[in-house]
Every structure is written in structure tokens, then in C-alpha cells.
Amino acid sequence: MFSLPGVIGKFLAYIPITIFTTLVAALFISLTINSALYYKFSKKGKTYEKRKDENDYLTSEEITLLSYEREGKIEKNTETLSRREKFLDTLSQKYSVWLGKIMQDKKSRLI
């Protein structure tokens, strides 16, 4: 669009400039301001999820750090979850199953 001659070229040259400026501003905001806002407004978790195979893959130092992180928190189960969290957990499990079915064969992955 920069290389178009004449009046139309001058008029259309503003489109890529605007798009480039917008993308650079969005990148700056996403890397700086959004992360700072998330850190400021996010709540500390009160629950944790215990996984069956976590001790198989973690080193002893990582297990120690995990136990320090879990101090004062309760284990996440169906009794400690709110209605919203139960809905989101069910939805994410169904999505995981659906995504697993799609990713099994090559044709569905391409689509």
C-alpha cells in the first residue's frame, strides 16, 4: 500500500501506518499494563488441587516448595467449590475430552 502512486497511494498509505501503530500499542499494553493489572487485582488462591502423579515427576526440592505454597490452603474437592467453579470445572473437562477426540486423527486436526 505504500508503493501505490498518486493521490490514492497517499490516501491508502495511512492504513498500514495505523495498523502498525495499533499493533505496537497493543503489544506494549499486553506486556506491561495487563500483567501489572492482573497482579494487582488477582486474588490469592484458597484451594489447591492434588494430582495423583505429581510426586512421580517432581524433585524433592519441588515437593518442598509445593508444600510451602499449599500451607494454609485446603484441598480442592466438590464440597469446597462454588457453583461457578463446579460449572467451569465440568466445562473444562468436557472441552478436554472434545479436544482430545479432535486431535486424534490428522484430518480433523487440519480442519
N, C-alpha and C. Protein backbone atom coordinates (compact mmCIF):
# COMPACT_ATOMS: atom_id res chain seq x y z
N MET A 1 0.81 -1.19 0.00
CA MET A 1 0.00 0.00 0.00
C MET A 1 0.86 1.26 0.00
N PHE A 2 2.08 1.14 0.51
CA PHE A 2 2.98 2.30 0.49
C PHE A 2 3.42 2.65 -0.93
N SER A 3 3.48 1.64 -1.78
CA SER A 3 4.06 1.86 -3.11
C SER A 3 3.06 2.30 -4.17
N LEU A 4 1.80 2.48 -3.79
CA LEU A 4 0.82 2.93 -4.78
C LEU A 4 1.09 4.39 -5.16
N PRO A 5 1.01 4.71 -6.45
CA PRO A 5 1.31 6.08 -6.88
C PRO A 5 0.08 6.99 -6.77
N GLY A 6 0.33 8.26 -6.76
CA GLY A 6 -0.72 9.26 -6.89
C GLY A 6 -1.46 9.53 -5.60
N VAL A 7 -2.62 10.14 -5.79
CA VAL A 7 -3.45 10.56 -4.65
C VAL A 7 -3.97 9.35 -3.88
N ILE A 8 -4.34 8.29 -4.61
CA ILE A 8 -4.84 7.08 -3.95
C ILE A 8 -3.74 6.46 -3.09
N GLY A 9 -2.52 6.47 -3.56
CA GLY A 9 -1.40 5.96 -2.77
C GLY A 9 -1.18 6.74 -1.50
N LYS A 10 -1.30 8.06 -1.59
CA LYS A 10 -1.14 8.89 -0.38
C LYS A 10 -2.29 8.64 0.59
N PHE A 11 -3.49 8.44 0.06
CA PHE A 11 -4.65 8.20 0.92
C PHE A 11 -4.56 6.83 1.60
N LEU A 12 -4.19 5.80 0.85
CA LEU A 12 -4.13 4.44 1.39
C LEU A 12 -2.88 4.18 2.23
N ALA A 13 -1.91 5.05 2.20
CA ALA A 13 -0.69 4.86 2.99
C ALA A 13 -0.97 4.95 4.49
N TYR A 14 -2.05 5.59 4.86
CA TYR A 14 -2.37 5.74 6.28
C TYR A 14 -2.89 4.44 6.89
N ILE A 15 -3.41 3.56 6.08
CA ILE A 15 -3.95 2.30 6.61
C ILE A 15 -2.85 1.43 7.23
N PRO A 16 -1.75 1.11 6.55
CA PRO A 16 -0.72 0.30 7.20
C PRO A 16 -0.04 1.01 8.36
N ILE A 17 0.07 2.34 8.28
CA ILE A 17 0.65 3.08 9.40
C ILE A 17 -0.23 2.94 10.63
N THR A 18 -1.54 3.06 10.44
CA THR A 18 -2.48 2.93 11.55
C THR A 18 -2.47 1.52 12.13
N ILE A 19 -2.45 0.52 11.28
CA ILE A 19 -2.43 -0.87 11.74
C ILE A 19 -1.14 -1.17 12.50
N PHE A 20 -0.01 -0.73 11.99
CA PHE A 20 1.26 -0.95 12.66
C PHE A 20 1.28 -0.27 14.03
N THR A 21 0.84 0.97 14.09
CA THR A 21 0.81 1.70 15.35
C THR A 21 -0.10 1.03 16.36
N THR A 22 -1.25 0.57 15.91
CA THR A 22 -2.19 -0.11 16.79
C THR A 22 -1.61 -1.41 17.33
N LEU A 23 -0.95 -2.18 16.48
CA LEU A 23 -0.36 -3.44 16.92
C LEU A 23 0.78 -3.23 17.91
N VAL A 24 1.60 -2.22 17.68
CA VAL A 24 2.69 -1.93 18.61
C VAL A 24 2.13 -1.48 19.96
N ALA A 25 1.09 -0.65 19.94
CA ALA A 25 0.47 -0.21 21.20
C ALA A 25 -0.16 -1.38 21.93
N ALA A 26 -0.82 -2.29 21.21
CA ALA A 26 -1.42 -3.45 21.84
C ALA A 26 -0.36 -4.37 22.44
N LEU A 27 0.76 -4.52 21.77
CA LEU A 27 1.85 -5.32 22.31
C LEU A 27 2.39 -4.71 23.59
N PHE A 28 2.60 -3.41 23.59
CA PHE A 28 3.09 -2.72 24.77
C PHE A 28 2.12 -2.88 25.94
N ILE A 29 0.84 -2.70 25.69
CA ILE A 29 -0.17 -2.83 26.75
C ILE A 29 -0.23 -4.26 27.27
N SER A 30 -0.19 -5.23 26.37
CA SER A 30 -0.29 -6.62 26.81
C SER A 30 0.92 -7.06 27.62
N LEU A 31 2.09 -6.53 27.32
CA LEU A 31 3.29 -6.96 28.03
C LEU A 31 3.54 -6.19 29.32
N THR A 32 2.97 -5.01 29.46
CA THR A 32 3.25 -4.20 30.65
C THR A 32 2.02 -3.97 31.51
N ILE A 33 1.06 -3.29 30.99
CA ILE A 33 -0.07 -2.85 31.79
C ILE A 33 -0.96 -4.01 32.21
N ASN A 34 -1.28 -4.93 31.28
CA ASN A 34 -2.16 -6.05 31.62
C ASN A 34 -1.59 -6.93 32.71
N SER A 35 -0.31 -7.23 32.63
CA SER A 35 0.29 -8.08 33.67
C SER A 35 0.31 -7.38 35.02
N ALA A 36 0.54 -6.08 35.02
CA ALA A 36 0.52 -5.34 36.28
C ALA A 36 -0.89 -5.30 36.86
N LEU A 37 -1.89 -5.11 36.01
CA LEU A 37 -3.27 -5.10 36.49
C LEU A 37 -3.70 -6.46 37.01
N TYR A 38 -3.28 -7.52 36.33
CA TYR A 38 -3.60 -8.86 36.81
C TYR A 38 -2.98 -9.11 38.18
N TYR A 39 -1.73 -8.74 38.35
CA TYR A 39 -1.06 -8.92 39.62
C TYR A 39 -1.77 -8.13 40.73
N LYS A 40 -2.23 -6.95 40.40
CA LYS A 40 -2.87 -6.09 41.37
C LYS A 40 -4.25 -6.61 41.78
N PHE A 41 -5.04 -7.09 40.82
CA PHE A 41 -6.42 -7.44 41.09
C PHE A 41 -6.69 -8.93 41.29
N SER A 42 -5.72 -9.78 41.07
CA SER A 42 -5.97 -11.21 41.25
C SER A 42 -5.95 -11.56 42.73
N LYS A 43 -6.76 -12.53 43.08
CA LYS A 43 -6.84 -12.98 44.46
C LYS A 43 -5.91 -14.17 44.67
N LYS A 44 -5.43 -14.28 45.86
CA LYS A 44 -4.64 -15.45 46.21
C LYS A 44 -5.58 -16.65 46.30
N GLY A 45 -5.14 -17.78 45.79
CA GLY A 45 -5.97 -18.97 45.82
C GLY A 45 -6.09 -19.51 47.24
N LYS A 46 -7.29 -19.95 47.58
CA LYS A 46 -7.53 -20.52 48.90
C LYS A 46 -7.57 -22.04 48.85
N THR A 47 -7.59 -22.59 47.64
CA THR A 47 -7.62 -24.03 47.49
C THR A 47 -6.48 -24.48 46.56
N TYR A 48 -6.20 -25.75 46.61
CA TYR A 48 -5.23 -26.33 45.69
C TYR A 48 -5.77 -27.68 45.23
N GLU A 49 -5.29 -28.12 44.09
CA GLU A 49 -5.73 -29.39 43.52
C GLU A 49 -4.60 -30.40 43.62
N LYS A 50 -4.87 -31.50 44.29
CA LYS A 50 -3.87 -32.54 44.43
C LYS A 50 -4.00 -33.50 43.27
N ARG A 51 -2.89 -33.73 42.59
CA ARG A 51 -2.88 -34.64 41.45
C ARG A 51 -2.24 -35.96 41.85
N LYS A 52 -2.70 -37.01 41.20
CA LYS A 52 -2.25 -38.36 41.56
C LYS A 52 -0.77 -38.57 41.27
N ASP A 53 -0.30 -38.07 40.14
CA ASP A 53 1.05 -38.38 39.70
C ASP A 53 2.05 -37.26 39.91
N GLU A 54 1.74 -36.30 40.77
CA GLU A 54 2.66 -35.17 40.92
C GLU A 54 3.97 -35.56 41.60
N ASN A 55 3.94 -36.53 42.49
CA ASN A 55 5.17 -36.94 43.16
C ASN A 55 6.08 -37.75 42.25
N ASP A 56 5.53 -38.31 41.17
CA ASP A 56 6.34 -39.11 40.26
C ASP A 56 7.29 -38.25 39.43
N TYR A 57 6.90 -37.00 39.17
CA TYR A 57 7.67 -36.15 38.26
C TYR A 57 8.43 -35.03 38.96
N LEU A 58 8.14 -34.76 40.21
CA LEU A 58 8.77 -33.65 40.91
C LEU A 58 10.00 -34.10 41.68
N THR A 59 10.96 -33.21 41.77
CA THR A 59 12.13 -33.49 42.60
C THR A 59 11.78 -33.19 44.06
N SER A 60 12.68 -33.56 44.96
CA SER A 60 12.39 -33.33 46.38
C SER A 60 12.32 -31.85 46.71
N GLU A 61 13.13 -31.02 46.05
CA GLU A 61 13.07 -29.58 46.28
C GLU A 61 11.74 -29.00 45.81
N GLU A 62 11.26 -29.49 44.66
CA GLU A 62 9.99 -29.01 44.14
C GLU A 62 8.82 -29.45 45.02
N ILE A 63 8.91 -30.64 45.59
CA ILE A 63 7.87 -31.10 46.51
C ILE A 63 7.86 -30.24 47.76
N THR A 64 9.04 -29.87 48.25
CA THR A 64 9.13 -29.00 49.42
C THR A 64 8.53 -27.62 49.12
N LEU A 65 8.86 -27.05 47.98
CA LEU A 65 8.29 -25.76 47.61
C LEU A 65 6.78 -25.85 47.44
N LEU A 66 6.31 -26.94 46.90
CA LEU A 66 4.87 -27.13 46.73
C LEU A 66 4.17 -27.22 48.07
N SER A 67 4.78 -27.88 49.03
CA SER A 67 4.16 -27.98 50.36
C SER A 67 4.14 -26.61 51.05
N TYR A 68 5.17 -25.79 50.86
CA TYR A 68 5.16 -24.43 51.42
C TYR A 68 4.08 -23.57 50.76
N GLU A 69 3.91 -23.75 49.47
CA GLU A 69 2.88 -22.98 48.76
C GLU A 69 1.47 -23.37 49.21
N ARG A 70 1.29 -24.63 49.58
CA ARG A 70 -0.03 -25.13 49.97
C ARG A 70 -0.36 -24.90 51.43
N GLU A 71 0.55 -24.36 52.20
CA GLU A 71 0.28 -24.11 53.62
C GLU A 71 -0.87 -23.11 53.76
N GLY A 72 -1.83 -23.45 54.63
CA GLY A 72 -2.96 -22.58 54.87
C GLY A 72 -4.07 -22.69 53.86
N LYS A 73 -3.92 -23.54 52.86
CA LYS A 73 -4.94 -23.73 51.85
C LYS A 73 -5.60 -25.09 52.07
N ILE A 74 -6.81 -25.23 51.55
CA ILE A 74 -7.50 -26.50 51.67
C ILE A 74 -7.52 -27.19 50.31
N GLU A 75 -7.58 -28.52 50.35
CA GLU A 75 -7.57 -29.28 49.11
C GLU A 75 -8.90 -29.09 48.37
N LYS A 76 -8.79 -28.92 47.08
CA LYS A 76 -9.96 -28.65 46.25
C LYS A 76 -10.72 -29.95 46.00
N ASN A 77 -11.98 -29.95 46.38
CA ASN A 77 -12.86 -31.07 46.06
C ASN A 77 -14.25 -30.51 45.80
N THR A 78 -15.19 -31.38 45.51
CA THR A 78 -16.52 -30.91 45.11
C THR A 78 -17.24 -30.18 46.24
N GLU A 79 -16.89 -30.45 47.47
CA GLU A 79 -17.57 -29.79 48.59
C GLU A 79 -17.07 -28.36 48.81
N THR A 80 -15.84 -28.08 48.43
CA THR A 80 -15.28 -26.75 48.67
C THR A 80 -15.46 -25.81 47.49
N LEU A 81 -16.03 -26.28 46.38
CA LEU A 81 -16.17 -25.45 45.20
C LEU A 81 -17.49 -24.70 45.19
N SER A 82 -17.46 -23.50 44.65
CA SER A 82 -18.70 -22.75 44.46
C SER A 82 -19.41 -23.28 43.22
N ARG A 83 -20.62 -22.84 43.00
CA ARG A 83 -21.38 -23.28 41.84
C ARG A 83 -20.68 -22.89 40.54
N ARG A 84 -20.12 -21.70 40.53
CA ARG A 84 -19.41 -21.22 39.35
C ARG A 84 -18.19 -22.09 39.05
N GLU A 85 -17.41 -22.41 40.09
CA GLU A 85 -16.22 -23.23 39.91
C GLU A 85 -16.57 -24.64 39.46
N LYS A 86 -17.67 -25.20 39.99
CA LYS A 86 -18.11 -26.52 39.57
C LYS A 86 -18.48 -26.51 38.09
N PHE A 87 -19.20 -25.47 37.68
CA PHE A 87 -19.59 -25.36 36.27
C PHE A 87 -18.37 -25.25 35.37
N LEU A 88 -17.42 -24.40 35.77
CA LEU A 88 -16.22 -24.21 34.94
C LEU A 88 -15.36 -25.47 34.90
N ASP A 89 -15.27 -26.21 36.01
CA ASP A 89 -14.52 -27.46 36.01
C ASP A 89 -15.17 -28.49 35.10
N THR A 90 -16.50 -28.59 35.16
CA THR A 90 -17.21 -29.52 34.29
C THR A 90 -17.02 -29.14 32.83
N LEU A 91 -17.13 -27.85 32.55
CA LEU A 91 -16.96 -27.36 31.19
C LEU A 91 -15.55 -27.63 30.67
N SER A 92 -14.54 -27.42 31.50
CA SER A 92 -13.16 -27.65 31.05
C SER A 92 -12.89 -29.14 30.85
N GLN A 93 -13.48 -30.00 31.66
CA GLN A 93 -13.29 -31.43 31.46
C GLN A 93 -13.93 -31.89 30.14
N LYS A 94 -15.14 -31.39 29.86
CA LYS A 94 -15.80 -31.75 28.60
C LYS A 94 -15.02 -31.21 27.41
N TYR A 95 -14.49 -30.01 27.53
CA TYR A 95 -13.69 -29.43 26.46
C TYR A 95 -12.42 -30.25 26.24
N SER A 96 -11.82 -30.70 27.30
CA SER A 96 -10.60 -31.51 27.18
C SER A 96 -10.89 -32.82 26.46
N VAL A 97 -12.01 -33.47 26.78
CA VAL A 97 -12.39 -34.70 26.10
C VAL A 97 -12.66 -34.43 24.63
N TRP A 98 -13.40 -33.36 24.34
CA TRP A 98 -13.73 -33.00 22.97
C TRP A 98 -12.47 -32.69 22.16
N LEU A 99 -11.56 -31.94 22.77
CA LEU A 99 -10.32 -31.59 22.09
C LEU A 99 -9.46 -32.83 21.85
N GLY A 100 -9.45 -33.75 22.80
CA GLY A 100 -8.70 -34.99 22.63
C GLY A 100 -9.21 -35.82 21.46
N LYS A 101 -10.54 -35.83 21.28
CA LYS A 101 -11.12 -36.57 20.16
C LYS A 101 -10.74 -35.92 18.84
N ILE A 102 -10.74 -34.61 18.80
CA ILE A 102 -10.40 -33.91 17.57
C ILE A 102 -8.94 -34.11 17.21
N MET A 103 -8.06 -34.11 18.18
CA MET A 103 -6.63 -34.19 17.92
C MET A 103 -6.15 -35.60 17.60
N GLN A 104 -7.04 -36.59 17.63
CA GLN A 104 -6.60 -37.97 17.39
C GLN A 104 -6.21 -38.24 15.94
N ASP A 105 -7.00 -37.76 14.99
CA ASP A 105 -6.65 -38.07 13.60
C ASP A 105 -6.22 -36.81 12.85
N LYS A 106 -5.47 -37.03 11.80
CA LYS A 106 -4.83 -35.94 11.07
C LYS A 106 -5.84 -35.04 10.35
N LYS A 107 -6.88 -35.64 9.79
CA LYS A 107 -7.86 -34.87 9.04
C LYS A 107 -8.58 -33.85 9.93
N SER A 108 -9.00 -34.28 11.09
CA SER A 108 -9.70 -33.35 11.99
C SER A 108 -8.76 -32.27 12.53
N ARG A 109 -7.48 -32.58 12.68
CA ARG A 109 -6.52 -31.57 13.11
C ARG A 109 -6.36 -30.49 12.05
N LEU A 110 -6.34 -30.89 10.79
CA LEU A 110 -6.21 -29.91 9.71
C LEU A 110 -7.44 -29.03 9.59
N ILE A 111 -8.60 -29.60 9.82
CA ILE A 111 -9.84 -28.80 9.73
C ILE A 111 -9.87 -27.82 10.87
